[in-house]
Amino acid sequence: MNVRRLGRTGLKVSELALGSWTTYGGSVDEAEAIRVVRHAFEKGIHVFDTADVYVRGEAERVLGQALAGLPREQLVIATKCMGRTWDGPLGAGLSRKHIFDALDGSLRRLGVDYIDLYQLHAPDADTPLEETLRAYEDLVRSGKVRYVGYSNYDRNPPLDRKVLEIQKKNGWDVMVSSQPRWSLVDRHVEKGHAALCRAWGVGMLIYSPLAQGVLTNKYAGGAVPEGSRATTKFAHFLTAEKALTPENVAAAERLAAWCMRTGVGTPAQVALAWVLKHPEVSSAIIGATSTAQLDENLKACELVLSAAQWAEVEKAVAGGRAPVAKQPAKGKSAKRRR
């Protein structure tokens, strides 16, 4: 497994990270989830991403069980806060109180003493930005958090820049990572957020690099394969994030045809390698419901394509047209993301 620096920091991260959005604690049996997580570590993945809101805390709990017994100093555990994790007016948001209480809950479920990367899951319009960022600074000073980052702020420009400017102005730890969607069929970050990350030395942790599995071509011809996300209680995320659309299914079919013709790799491997070829990307987050699926995706790290081949890939996905970066979705909550 190749490693990269997380943005401007000296922290080394595996170029593929294992996520646990709807899988661990959700659609995947707990014993199998533990097997997959430990197999990932054996294969060189040491970055594990989750969030307190995933399956209402169950994803963190199962991940904690899976990581128990592994050497803590060799792990980078990343989680997030903002979404609703308990009922009542204090159960969500980015107030100082909720952040502190949410972190304590995450530490308890994960069974650890500190979080390596603590991320704002999404903006909170009801809380002053300075209050949120000061709380994060205090968590770093407390030792409970090693690094801070944010997710989905790419959807709210220029808020993504304002966060960094406030932190720098106050001498606080500046976000070291941003976690946006980026894939061959969702290129909205190329309209500005990627450049912001390059300029500030913010490492990008990409989620949905396979468009929630659509780019594997599993939904070709309108198929809904057994065991896919479309058959679970989490199917609504496919439409909420505009992943499973006729246009994206057609794009995946064209990508699969190109892969078949060239023999370069599977559609999933090529799509992952495309994300990883961007220098501002520190790590791409993948999901895996089995060790076999994980092993297949790991082969993406071995793919080396020429500039001409990448141009062919992009042209195929775009249907022969010049690829267009999509505009970010507006008004999504932390519950409607990965």
C-alpha atoms as a PDB file:
ATOM      1  CA  MET A   1       0.000   0.000   0.000  1.00  0.00           C
ATOM      2  CA  ASN A   2       1.383   3.382  -0.996  1.00  0.00           C
ATOM      3  CA  VAL A   3       1.340   6.190   1.552  1.00  0.00           C
ATOM      4  CA  ARG A   4       0.968   9.921   1.065  1.00  0.00           C
ATOM      5  CA  ARG A   5       1.230  12.975   3.280  1.00  0.00           C
ATOM      6  CA  LEU A   6      -2.044  14.320   4.609  1.00  0.00           C
ATOM      7  CA  GLY A   7      -1.913  17.744   3.005  1.00  0.00           C
ATOM      8  CA  ARG A   8       0.808  19.973   4.438  1.00  0.00           C
ATOM      9  CA  THR A   9       1.271  17.808   7.526  1.00  0.00           C
ATOM     10  CA  GLY A  10       3.890  15.169   8.199  1.00  0.00           C
ATOM     11  CA  LEU A  11       1.176  12.563   8.834  1.00  0.00           C
ATOM     12  CA  LYS A  12       1.447   9.617   6.457  1.00  0.00           C
ATOM     13  CA  VAL A  13      -1.829   8.090   5.310  1.00  0.00           C
ATOM     14  CA  SER A  14      -2.561   5.041   3.174  1.00  0.00           C
ATOM     15  CA  GLU A  15      -3.744   6.183  -0.248  1.00  0.00           C
ATOM     16  CA  LEU A  16      -6.851   4.079   0.216  1.00  0.00           C
ATOM     17  CA  ALA A  17      -8.871   4.426   3.416  1.00  0.00           C
ATOM     18  CA  LEU A  18     -11.665   2.162   4.628  1.00  0.00           C
ATOM     19  CA  GLY A  19     -14.989   3.840   5.290  1.00  0.00           C
ATOM     20  CA  SER A  20     -17.970   2.586   7.281  1.00  0.00           C
ATOM     21  CA  TRP A  21     -20.906   4.707   6.200  1.00  0.00           C
ATOM     22  CA  THR A  22     -23.859   2.317   5.728  1.00  0.00           C
ATOM     23  CA  THR A  23     -21.903  -0.927   6.001  1.00  0.00           C
ATOM     24  CA  TYR A  24     -20.416  -1.601   9.422  1.00  0.00           C
ATOM     25  CA  GLY A  25     -23.128  -1.525  12.028  1.00  0.00           C
ATOM     26  CA  GLY A  26     -25.624  -1.459   9.166  1.00  0.00           C
ATOM     27  CA  SER A  27     -25.852  -3.703   6.101  1.00  0.00           C
ATOM     28  CA  VAL A  28     -22.863  -5.935   6.914  1.00  0.00           C
ATOM     29  CA  ASP A  29     -22.889  -8.655   9.548  1.00  0.00           C
ATOM     30  CA  GLU A  30     -20.746  -7.613  12.521  1.00  0.00           C
ATOM     31  CA  ALA A  31     -18.441 -10.610  12.340  1.00  0.00           C
ATOM     32  CA  GLU A  32     -17.834 -10.045   8.637  1.00  0.00           C
ATOM     33  CA  ALA A  33     -17.256  -6.336   9.239  1.00  0.00           C
ATOM     34  CA  ILE A  34     -14.550  -7.160  11.763  1.00  0.00           C
ATOM     35  CA  ARG A  35     -12.926  -9.568   9.287  1.00  0.00           C
ATOM     36  CA  VAL A  36     -12.886  -6.940   6.543  1.00  0.00           C
ATOM     37  CA  VAL A  37     -11.432  -4.216   8.779  1.00  0.00           C
ATOM     38  CA  ARG A  38      -8.646  -6.440  10.060  1.00  0.00           C
ATOM     39  CA  HIS A  39      -7.931  -7.732   6.556  1.00  0.00           C
ATOM     40  CA  ALA A  40      -7.640  -4.134   5.378  1.00  0.00           C
ATOM     41  CA  PHE A  41      -5.053  -3.450   8.071  1.00  0.00           C
ATOM     42  CA  GLU A  42      -3.111  -6.562   7.067  1.00  0.00           C
ATOM     43  CA  LYS A  43      -3.099  -5.275   3.476  1.00  0.00           C
ATOM     44  CA  GLY A  44      -1.627  -1.923   4.495  1.00  0.00           C
ATOM     45  CA  ILE A  45      -4.679   0.272   4.975  1.00  0.00           C
ATOM     46  CA  HIS A  46      -4.258   2.164   8.229  1.00  0.00           C
ATOM     47  CA  VAL A  47      -6.794   4.981   7.768  1.00  0.00           C
ATOM     48  CA  PHE A  48     -10.310   4.185   8.973  1.00  0.00           C
ATOM     49  CA  ASP A  49     -13.038   6.771   8.451  1.00  0.00           C
ATOM     50  CA  THR A  50     -16.402   6.877  10.184  1.00  0.00           C
ATOM     51  CA  ALA A  51     -18.849   9.337  11.811  1.00  0.00           C
ATOM     52  CA  ASP A  52     -20.991   9.425  14.899  1.00  0.00           C
ATOM     53  CA  VAL A  53     -24.142   9.775  12.790  1.00  0.00           C
ATOM     54  CA  TYR A  54     -23.529   6.611  10.751  1.00  0.00           C
ATOM     55  CA  VAL A  55     -26.238   4.155  11.785  1.00  0.00           C
ATOM     56  CA  ARG A  56     -26.731   6.285  14.899  1.00  0.00           C
ATOM     57  CA  GLY A  57     -23.355   5.390  16.399  1.00  0.00           C
ATOM     58  CA  GLU A  58     -23.324   1.709  15.445  1.00  0.00           C
ATOM     59  CA  ALA A  59     -20.650   2.209  12.761  1.00  0.00           C
ATOM     60  CA  GLU A  60     -18.268   3.635  15.372  1.00  0.00           C
ATOM     61  CA  ARG A  61     -19.062   0.859  17.812  1.00  0.00           C
ATOM     62  CA  VAL A  62     -18.397  -1.926  15.301  1.00  0.00           C
ATOM     63  CA  LEU A  63     -15.268  -0.209  13.997  1.00  0.00           C
ATOM     64  CA  GLY A  64     -14.027   0.051  17.572  1.00  0.00           C
ATOM     65  CA  GLN A  65     -14.580  -3.673  18.043  1.00  0.00           C
ATOM     66  CA  ALA A  66     -12.720  -4.402  14.807  1.00  0.00           C
ATOM     67  CA  LEU A  67      -9.737  -2.228  15.711  1.00  0.00           C
ATOM     68  CA  ALA A  68      -9.452  -3.526  19.265  1.00  0.00           C
ATOM     69  CA  GLY A  69      -6.151  -5.282  19.748  1.00  0.00           C
ATOM     70  CA  LEU A  70      -4.470  -3.638  16.763  1.00  0.00           C
ATOM     71  CA  PRO A  71      -1.505  -1.349  17.545  1.00  0.00           C
ATOM     72  CA  ARG A  72      -3.068   2.067  18.208  1.00  0.00           C
ATOM     73  CA  GLU A  73       0.071   3.952  17.138  1.00  0.00           C
ATOM     74  CA  GLN A  74      -0.236   2.404  13.659  1.00  0.00           C
ATOM     75  CA  LEU A  75      -3.816   3.545  13.090  1.00  0.00           C
ATOM     76  CA  VAL A  76      -5.305   6.796  11.838  1.00  0.00           C
ATOM     77  CA  ILE A  77      -8.880   6.924  13.096  1.00  0.00           C
ATOM     78  CA  ALA A  78     -11.047   9.637  11.557  1.00  0.00           C
ATOM     79  CA  THR A  79     -14.562  10.480  12.640  1.00  0.00           C
ATOM     80  CA  LYS A  80     -16.966  13.410  12.382  1.00  0.00           C
ATOM     81  CA  CYS A  81     -19.596  15.340  14.282  1.00  0.00           C
ATOM     82  CA  MET A  82     -22.608  17.525  13.470  1.00  0.00           C
ATOM     83  CA  GLY A  83     -25.418  15.114  12.584  1.00  0.00           C
ATOM     84  CA  ARG A  84     -28.079  13.963  15.018  1.00  0.00           C
ATOM     85  CA  THR A  85     -26.853  11.241  17.336  1.00  0.00           C
ATOM     86  CA  TRP A  86     -29.414  11.571  20.134  1.00  0.00           C
ATOM     87  CA  ASP A  87     -32.877  13.057  20.449  1.00  0.00           C
ATOM     88  CA  GLY A  88     -33.726  16.531  21.661  1.00  0.00           C
ATOM     89  CA  PRO A  89     -32.461  20.029  20.872  1.00  0.00           C
ATOM     90  CA  LEU A  90     -28.888  19.231  21.963  1.00  0.00           C
ATOM     91  CA  GLY A  91     -28.495  16.086  19.877  1.00  0.00           C
ATOM     92  CA  ALA A  92     -27.062  17.698  16.747  1.00  0.00           C
ATOM     93  CA  GLY A  93     -25.199  20.743  15.478  1.00  0.00           C
ATOM     94  CA  LEU A  94     -21.827  22.366  15.999  1.00  0.00           C
ATOM     95  CA  SER A  95     -22.292  24.213  19.265  1.00  0.00           C
ATOM     96  CA  ARG A  96     -19.456  23.963  21.750  1.00  0.00           C
ATOM     97  CA  LYS A  97     -21.572  21.745  24.010  1.00  0.00           C
ATOM     98  CA  HIS A  98     -22.594  19.337  21.259  1.00  0.00           C
ATOM     99  CA  ILE A  99     -19.055  19.046  19.905  1.00  0.00           C
ATOM    100  CA  PHE A 100     -17.601  18.205  23.319  1.00  0.00           C
ATOM    101  CA  ASP A 101     -20.377  15.734  24.158  1.00  0.00           C
ATOM    102  CA  ALA A 102     -20.265  14.165  20.695  1.00  0.00           C
ATOM    103  CA  LEU A 103     -16.526  13.624  20.937  1.00  0.00           C
ATOM    104  CA  ASP A 104     -16.885  11.905  24.303  1.00  0.00           C
ATOM    105  CA  GLY A 105     -19.492   9.615  22.747  1.00  0.00           C
ATOM    106  CA  SER A 106     -17.242   8.799  19.791  1.00  0.00           C
ATOM    107  CA  LEU A 107     -14.294   8.022  22.069  1.00  0.00           C
ATOM    108  CA  ARG A 108     -16.476   5.709  24.131  1.00  0.00           C
ATOM    109  CA  ARG A 109     -17.911   3.837  21.133  1.00  0.00           C
ATOM    110  CA  LEU A 110     -14.538   3.522  19.413  1.00  0.00           C
ATOM    111  CA  GLY A 111     -12.828   2.483  22.633  1.00  0.00           C
ATOM    112  CA  VAL A 112      -9.924   4.915  22.258  1.00  0.00           C
ATOM    113  CA  ASP A 113      -8.470   7.842  24.193  1.00  0.00           C
ATOM    114  CA  TYR A 114      -8.049  10.224  21.253  1.00  0.00           C
ATOM    115  CA  ILE A 115      -9.135  10.784  17.654  1.00  0.00           C
ATOM    116  CA  ASP A 116      -6.463  11.247  15.006  1.00  0.00           C
ATOM    117  CA  LEU A 117      -8.627  13.322  12.661  1.00  0.00           C
ATOM    118  CA  TYR A 118     -11.812  14.995  13.925  1.00  0.00           C
ATOM    119  CA  GLN A 119     -13.913  16.465  11.125  1.00  0.00           C
ATOM    120  CA  LEU A 120     -16.825  18.857  10.915  1.00  0.00           C
ATOM    121  CA  HIS A 121     -19.364  16.746   9.049  1.00  0.00           C
ATOM    122  CA  ALA A 122     -21.203  19.646   7.428  1.00  0.00           C
ATOM    123  CA  PRO A 123     -21.902  23.324   8.131  1.00  0.00           C
ATOM    124  CA  ASP A 124     -24.317  24.336  10.899  1.00  0.00           C
ATOM    125  CA  ALA A 125     -26.115  27.590  10.102  1.00  0.00           C
ATOM    126  CA  ASP A 126     -27.415  27.864  13.685  1.00  0.00           C
ATOM    127  CA  THR A 127     -23.988  28.155  15.328  1.00  0.00           C
ATOM    128  CA  PRO A 128     -21.471  31.006  14.938  1.00  0.00           C
ATOM    129  CA  LEU A 129     -18.478  29.724  13.004  1.00  0.00           C
ATOM    130  CA  GLU A 130     -16.051  31.142  15.562  1.00  0.00           C
ATOM    131  CA  GLU A 131     -17.719  29.138  18.358  1.00  0.00           C
ATOM    132  CA  THR A 132     -17.310  25.900  16.404  1.00  0.00           C
ATOM    133  CA  LEU A 133     -13.712  26.538  15.411  1.00  0.00           C
ATOM    134  CA  ARG A 134     -12.674  27.619  18.912  1.00  0.00           C
ATOM    135  CA  ALA A 135     -14.158  24.402  20.278  1.00  0.00           C
ATOM    136  CA  TYR A 136     -12.116  22.402  17.806  1.00  0.00           C
ATOM    137  CA  GLU A 137      -8.980  24.318  18.781  1.00  0.00           C
ATOM    138  CA  ASP A 138      -9.597  23.541  22.440  1.00  0.00           C
ATOM    139  CA  LEU A 139     -10.008  19.840  21.650  1.00  0.00           C
ATOM    140  CA  VAL A 140      -6.610  19.826  19.952  1.00  0.00           C
ATOM    141  CA  ARG A 141      -5.070  21.533  22.986  1.00  0.00           C
ATOM    142  CA  SER A 142      -6.750  18.981  25.275  1.00  0.00           C
ATOM    143  CA  GLY A 143      -4.979  16.117  23.514  1.00  0.00           C
ATOM    144  CA  LYS A 144      -8.232  14.350  22.653  1.00  0.00           C
ATOM    145  CA  VAL A 145      -7.825  15.317  18.972  1.00  0.00           C
ATOM    146  CA  ARG A 146      -4.610  15.256  16.953  1.00  0.00           C
ATOM    147  CA  TYR A 147      -5.724  16.945  13.708  1.00  0.00           C
ATOM    148  CA  VAL A 148      -8.857  18.740  12.524  1.00  0.00           C
ATOM    149  CA  GLY A 149     -10.603  18.666   9.171  1.00  0.00           C
ATOM    150  CA  TYR A 150     -13.957  19.346   7.542  1.00  0.00           C
ATOM    151  CA  SER A 151     -16.342  17.598   5.180  1.00  0.00           C
ATOM    152  CA  ASN A 152     -18.951  18.868   2.708  1.00  0.00           C
ATOM    153  CA  TYR A 153     -17.862  22.483   3.073  1.00  0.00           C
ATOM    154  CA  ASP A 154     -17.069  22.354  -0.644  1.00  0.00           C
ATOM    155  CA  ARG A 155     -20.831  22.629  -1.131  1.00  0.00           C
ATOM    156  CA  ASN A 156     -20.929  26.024   0.545  1.00  0.00           C
ATOM    157  CA  PRO A 157     -18.352  28.339  -1.044  1.00  0.00           C
ATOM    158  CA  PRO A 158     -16.970  30.690   0.125  1.00  0.00           C
ATOM    159  CA  LEU A 159     -17.544  29.146   3.570  1.00  0.00           C
ATOM    160  CA  ASP A 160     -14.835  26.577   2.831  1.00  0.00           C
ATOM    161  CA  ARG A 161     -12.305  29.409   2.536  1.00  0.00           C
ATOM    162  CA  LYS A 162     -13.705  31.420   5.446  1.00  0.00           C
ATOM    163  CA  VAL A 163     -13.082  28.527   7.856  1.00  0.00           C
ATOM    164  CA  LEU A 164      -9.389  28.458   6.973  1.00  0.00           C
ATOM    165  CA  GLU A 165      -9.049  32.238   7.177  1.00  0.00           C
ATOM    166  CA  ILE A 166     -10.633  32.433  10.651  1.00  0.00           C
ATOM    167  CA  GLN A 167      -8.375  29.699  11.976  1.00  0.00           C
ATOM    168  CA  LYS A 168      -5.257  31.305  10.543  1.00  0.00           C
ATOM    169  CA  LYS A 169      -6.209  34.781  11.807  1.00  0.00           C
ATOM    170  CA  ASN A 170      -6.643  33.490  15.369  1.00  0.00           C
ATOM    171  CA  GLY A 171      -3.510  31.355  15.348  1.00  0.00           C
ATOM    172  CA  TRP A 172      -5.584  28.181  15.668  1.00  0.00           C
ATOM    173  CA  ASP A 173      -4.850  24.837  14.057  1.00  0.00           C
ATOM    174  CA  VAL A 174      -5.996  25.148  10.447  1.00  0.00           C
ATOM    175  CA  MET A 175      -7.947  22.323   8.828  1.00  0.00           C
ATOM    176  CA  VAL A 176      -5.539  19.738   7.455  1.00  0.00           C
ATOM    177  CA  SER A 177      -8.128  17.833   5.426  1.00  0.00           C
ATOM    178  CA  SER A 178     -11.306  18.227   3.424  1.00  0.00           C
ATOM    179  CA  GLN A 179     -13.653  15.346   2.663  1.00  0.00           C
ATOM    180  CA  PRO A 180     -15.744  15.979  -0.460  1.00  0.00           C
ATOM    181  CA  ARG A 181     -17.284  13.756  -3.124  1.00  0.00           C
ATOM    182  CA  TRP A 182     -15.176  13.397  -6.257  1.00  0.00           C
ATOM    183  CA  SER A 183     -15.501  10.829  -9.003  1.00  0.00           C
ATOM    184  CA  LEU A 184     -15.567  10.450 -12.760  1.00  0.00           C
ATOM    185  CA  VAL A 185     -19.271  11.328 -12.699  1.00  0.00           C
ATOM    186  CA  ASP A 186     -19.143  14.022  -9.993  1.00  0.00           C
ATOM    187  CA  ARG A 187     -16.419  16.565 -10.658  1.00  0.00           C
ATOM    188  CA  HIS A 188     -17.854  19.638  -8.969  1.00  0.00           C
ATOM    189  CA  VAL A 189     -14.784  20.143  -6.745  1.00  0.00           C
ATOM    190  CA  GLU A 190     -12.779  20.991  -9.854  1.00  0.00           C
ATOM    191  CA  LYS A 191     -14.638  24.308 -10.056  1.00  0.00           C
ATOM    192  CA  GLY A 192     -12.751  25.774  -7.108  1.00  0.00           C
ATOM    193  CA  HIS A 193     -12.507  23.626  -4.001  1.00  0.00           C
ATOM    194  CA  ALA A 194      -9.627  21.501  -5.264  1.00  0.00           C
ATOM    195  CA  ALA A 195      -7.637  24.653  -6.029  1.00  0.00           C
ATOM    196  CA  LEU A 196      -8.394  25.985  -2.536  1.00  0.00           C
ATOM    197  CA  CYS A 197      -7.062  22.765  -1.016  1.00  0.00           C
ATOM    198  CA  ARG A 198      -3.891  22.985  -3.105  1.00  0.00           C
ATOM    199  CA  ALA A 199      -3.277  26.599  -2.110  1.00  0.00           C
ATOM    200  CA  TRP A 200      -3.773  25.970   1.616  1.00  0.00           C
ATOM    201  CA  GLY A 201      -2.107  22.570   1.809  1.00  0.00           C
ATOM    202  CA  VAL A 202      -5.361  20.847   2.748  1.00  0.00           C
ATOM    203  CA  GLY A 203      -5.294  17.138   1.951  1.00  0.00           C
ATOM    204  CA  MET A 204      -8.384  15.785   0.237  1.00  0.00           C
ATOM    205  CA  LEU A 205      -9.968  12.602   1.610  1.00  0.00           C
ATOM    206  CA  ILE A 206     -12.343  11.647  -1.176  1.00  0.00           C
ATOM    207  CA  TYR A 207     -15.633   9.912  -0.470  1.00  0.00           C
ATOM    208  CA  SER A 208     -17.825   8.126  -3.026  1.00  0.00           C
ATOM    209  CA  PRO A 209     -14.991   7.749  -5.559  1.00  0.00           C
ATOM    210  CA  LEU A 210     -17.117   4.989  -7.121  1.00  0.00           C
ATOM    211  CA  ALA A 211     -20.347   7.027  -6.911  1.00  0.00           C
ATOM    212  CA  GLN A 212     -21.703   4.644  -4.256  1.00  0.00           C
ATOM    213  CA  GLY A 213     -20.845   1.662  -6.430  1.00  0.00           C
ATOM    214  CA  VAL A 214     -22.486   2.914  -9.608  1.00  0.00           C
ATOM    215  CA  LEU A 215     -19.121   3.122 -11.389  1.00  0.00           C
ATOM    216  CA  THR A 216     -18.566  -0.607 -10.831  1.00  0.00           C
ATOM    217  CA  ASN A 217     -21.270  -1.028 -13.503  1.00  0.00           C
ATOM    218  CA  LYS A 218     -23.326  -3.259 -11.214  1.00  0.00           C
ATOM    219  CA  TYR A 219     -26.481  -1.345 -12.155  1.00  0.00           C
ATOM    220  CA  ALA A 220     -25.981  -1.728 -15.916  1.00  0.00           C
ATOM    221  CA  GLY A 221     -29.193  -2.010 -17.897  1.00  0.00           C
ATOM    222  CA  GLY A 222     -31.286  -1.111 -14.867  1.00  0.00           C
ATOM    223  CA  ALA A 223     -30.155  -4.149 -12.858  1.00  0.00           C
ATOM    224  CA  VAL A 224     -30.568  -4.138  -9.076  1.00  0.00           C
ATOM    225  CA  PRO A 225     -28.228  -6.903  -7.906  1.00  0.00           C
ATOM    226  CA  GLU A 226     -28.885  -8.689  -4.642  1.00  0.00           C
ATOM    227  CA  GLY A 227     -26.785  -7.276  -1.834  1.00  0.00           C
ATOM    228  CA  SER A 228     -26.241  -3.913  -3.508  1.00  0.00           C
ATOM    229  CA  ARG A 229     -27.057  -0.697  -1.667  1.00  0.00           C
ATOM    230  CA  ALA A 230     -30.161  -0.335  -3.828  1.00  0.00           C
ATOM    231  CA  THR A 231     -31.666  -3.369  -2.069  1.00  0.00           C
ATOM    232  CA  THR A 232     -31.052  -2.128   1.482  1.00  0.00           C
ATOM    233  CA  LYS A 233     -32.699   0.418   3.758  1.00  0.00           C
ATOM    234  CA  PHE A 234     -29.954   2.825   2.694  1.00  0.00           C
ATOM    235  CA  ALA A 235     -31.082   2.899  -0.952  1.00  0.00           C
ATOM    236  CA  HIS A 236     -32.351   6.465  -0.578  1.00  0.00           C
ATOM    237  CA  PHE A 237     -28.767   7.739  -0.405  1.00  0.00           C
ATOM    238  CA  LEU A 238     -28.297   6.704  -4.040  1.00  0.00           C
ATOM    239  CA  THR A 239     -30.956   9.177  -5.115  1.00  0.00           C
ATOM    240  CA  ALA A 240     -30.274  11.808  -2.446  1.00  0.00           C
ATOM    241  CA  GLU A 241     -26.677  12.142  -3.649  1.00  0.00           C
ATOM    242  CA  LYS A 242     -27.717  11.829  -7.314  1.00  0.00           C
ATOM    243  CA  ALA A 243     -25.495   8.789  -7.767  1.00  0.00           C
ATOM    244  CA  LEU A 244     -27.930   6.305  -9.311  1.00  0.00           C
ATOM    245  CA  THR A 245     -29.206   8.296 -12.285  1.00  0.00           C
ATOM    246  CA  PRO A 246     -29.762   7.145 -15.877  1.00  0.00           C
ATOM    247  CA  GLU A 247     -26.882   9.381 -16.943  1.00  0.00           C
ATOM    248  CA  ASN A 248     -24.466   7.880 -14.425  1.00  0.00           C
ATOM    249  CA  VAL A 249     -25.537   4.314 -15.255  1.00  0.00           C
ATOM    250  CA  ALA A 250     -24.871   5.026 -18.923  1.00  0.00           C
ATOM    251  CA  ALA A 251     -21.495   6.558 -18.080  1.00  0.00           C
ATOM    252  CA  ALA A 252     -20.577   3.442 -16.058  1.00  0.00           C
ATOM    253  CA  GLU A 253     -21.549   1.242 -18.998  1.00  0.00           C
ATOM    254  CA  ARG A 254     -19.271   3.228 -21.303  1.00  0.00           C
ATOM    255  CA  LEU A 255     -16.436   3.015 -18.774  1.00  0.00           C
ATOM    256  CA  ALA A 256     -16.922  -0.755 -18.531  1.00  0.00           C
ATOM    257  CA  ALA A 257     -16.833  -1.034 -22.330  1.00  0.00           C
ATOM    258  CA  TRP A 258     -13.538   0.886 -22.434  1.00  0.00           C
ATOM    259  CA  CYS A 259     -12.077  -1.372 -19.729  1.00  0.00           C
ATOM    260  CA  MET A 260     -13.193  -4.472 -21.603  1.00  0.00           C
ATOM    261  CA  ARG A 261     -11.689  -3.207 -24.858  1.00  0.00           C
ATOM    262  CA  THR A 262      -8.333  -2.219 -23.353  1.00  0.00           C
ATOM    263  CA  GLY A 263      -7.980  -4.853 -20.634  1.00  0.00           C
ATOM    264  CA  VAL A 264      -6.469  -2.253 -18.302  1.00  0.00           C
ATOM    265  CA  GLY A 265      -8.500  -3.173 -15.238  1.00  0.00           C
ATOM    266  CA  THR A 266     -12.021  -3.332 -13.877  1.00  0.00           C
ATOM    267  CA  PRO A 267     -14.239  -0.233 -13.955  1.00  0.00           C
ATOM    268  CA  ALA A 268     -13.889   0.105 -10.171  1.00  0.00           C
ATOM    269  CA  GLN A 269     -10.103  -0.095 -10.316  1.00  0.00           C
ATOM    270  CA  VAL A 270      -9.874   2.471 -13.113  1.00  0.00           C
ATOM    271  CA  ALA A 271     -12.307   4.845 -11.379  1.00  0.00           C
ATOM    272  CA  LEU A 272     -10.332   4.649  -8.123  1.00  0.00           C
ATOM    273  CA  ALA A 273      -7.014   5.109  -9.908  1.00  0.00           C
ATOM    274  CA  TRP A 274      -8.437   8.175 -11.670  1.00  0.00           C
ATOM    275  CA  VAL A 275      -9.178   9.815  -8.311  1.00  0.00           C
ATOM    276  CA  LEU A 276      -5.769   8.868  -6.937  1.00  0.00           C
ATOM    277  CA  LYS A 277      -3.907  10.409  -9.868  1.00  0.00           C
ATOM    278  CA  HIS A 278      -4.766  13.897  -8.614  1.00  0.00           C
ATOM    279  CA  PRO A 279      -1.896  15.251  -6.478  1.00  0.00           C
ATOM    280  CA  GLU A 280      -4.173  17.095  -4.039  1.00  0.00           C
ATOM    281  CA  VAL A 281      -5.763  13.773  -3.028  1.00  0.00           C
ATOM    282  CA  SER A 282      -4.238  12.297   0.113  1.00  0.00           C
ATOM    283  CA  SER A 283      -6.533   9.279   0.305  1.00  0.00           C
ATOM    284  CA  ALA A 284      -9.656   7.866  -1.325  1.00  0.00           C
ATOM    285  CA  ILE A 285     -12.228   6.271   0.965  1.00  0.00           C
ATOM    286  CA  ILE A 286     -13.629   2.954  -0.175  1.00  0.00           C
ATOM    287  CA  GLY A 287     -16.323   0.743   1.256  1.00  0.00           C
ATOM    288  CA  ALA A 288     -16.043  -3.025   1.338  1.00  0.00           C
ATOM    289  CA  THR A 289     -18.581  -5.649   2.326  1.00  0.00           C
ATOM    290  CA  SER A 290     -16.184  -8.588   1.893  1.00  0.00           C
ATOM    291  CA  THR A 291     -12.463  -9.287   1.846  1.00  0.00           C
ATOM    292  CA  ALA A 292     -12.701 -10.335  -1.811  1.00  0.00           C
ATOM    293  CA  GLN A 293     -14.215  -6.985  -2.781  1.00  0.00           C
ATOM    294  CA  LEU A 294     -11.534  -5.189  -0.811  1.00  0.00           C
ATOM    295  CA  ASP A 295      -8.735  -7.118  -2.515  1.00  0.00           C
ATOM    296  CA  GLU A 296     -10.118  -6.295  -5.965  1.00  0.00           C
ATOM    297  CA  ASN A 297     -10.264  -2.581  -5.182  1.00  0.00           C
ATOM    298  CA  LEU A 298      -6.739  -2.587  -3.763  1.00  0.00           C
ATOM    299  CA  LYS A 299      -5.456  -3.389  -7.252  1.00  0.00           C
ATOM    300  CA  ALA A 300      -6.306   0.195  -8.219  1.00  0.00           C
ATOM    301  CA  CYS A 301      -3.086   1.243  -6.492  1.00  0.00           C
ATOM    302  CA  GLU A 302      -1.118  -0.724  -9.076  1.00  0.00           C
ATOM    303  CA  LEU A 303      -2.678   0.840 -12.184  1.00  0.00           C
ATOM    304  CA  VAL A 304      -0.520   3.188 -14.225  1.00  0.00           C
ATOM    305  CA  LEU A 305      -2.170   4.784 -17.269  1.00  0.00           C
ATOM    306  CA  SER A 306      -0.729   7.241 -19.744  1.00  0.00           C
ATOM    307  CA  ALA A 307      -2.111  10.747 -20.174  1.00  0.00           C
ATOM    308  CA  ALA A 308      -3.637   9.618 -23.468  1.00  0.00           C
ATOM    309  CA  GLN A 309      -5.393   6.701 -21.768  1.00  0.00           C
ATOM    310  CA  TRP A 310      -6.784   8.955 -19.047  1.00  0.00           C
ATOM    311  CA  ALA A 311      -8.107  11.262 -21.744  1.00  0.00           C
ATOM    312  CA  GLU A 312      -9.831   8.259 -23.322  1.00  0.00           C
ATOM    313  CA  VAL A 313     -11.356   7.299 -19.982  1.00  0.00           C
ATOM    314  CA  GLU A 314     -12.746  10.778 -19.397  1.00  0.00           C
ATOM    315  CA  LYS A 315     -14.066  10.984 -22.954  1.00  0.00           C
ATOM    316  CA  ALA A 316     -15.751   7.593 -22.634  1.00  0.00           C
ATOM    317  CA  VAL A 317     -17.422   8.514 -19.349  1.00  0.00           C
ATOM    318  CA  ALA A 318     -18.567  11.840 -20.795  1.00  0.00           C
ATOM    319  CA  GLY A 319     -20.062  10.098 -23.821  1.00  0.00           C
ATOM    320  CA  GLY A 320     -17.617  11.566 -26.299  1.00  0.00           C
ATOM    321  CA  ARG A 321     -18.093  15.090 -25.007  1.00  0.00           C
ATOM    322  CA  ALA A 322     -15.657  17.192 -23.025  1.00  0.00           C
ATOM    323  CA  PRO A 323     -16.257  16.322 -19.340  1.00  0.00           C
ATOM    324  CA  VAL A 324     -18.080  19.000 -17.368  1.00  0.00           C
ATOM    325  CA  ALA A 325     -17.532  19.535 -13.658  1.00  0.00           C
ATOM    326  CA  LYS A 326     -20.850  19.305 -11.846  1.00  0.00           C
ATOM    327  CA  GLN A 327     -22.056  22.047  -9.527  1.00  0.00           C
ATOM    328  CA  PRO A 328     -22.177  21.094  -5.829  1.00  0.00           C
ATOM    329  CA  ALA A 329     -25.504  20.060  -4.399  1.00  0.00           C
ATOM    330  CA  LYS A 330     -27.052  22.670  -2.124  1.00  0.00           C
ATOM    331  CA  GLY A 331     -28.542  22.349   1.303  1.00  0.00           C
ATOM    332  CA  LYS A 332     -27.609  18.741   2.111  1.00  0.00           C
ATOM    333  CA  SER A 333     -27.431  17.756   5.756  1.00  0.00           C
ATOM    334  CA  ALA A 334     -24.798  15.527   7.328  1.00  0.00           C
ATOM    335  CA  LYS A 335     -27.287  12.652   7.283  1.00  0.00           C
ATOM    336  CA  ARG A 336     -27.333  12.748   3.490  1.00  0.00           C
ATOM    337  CA  ARG A 337     -23.706  12.204   2.707  1.00  0.00           C
ATOM    338  CA  ARG A 338     -20.806   9.956   2.692  1.00  0.00           C
END
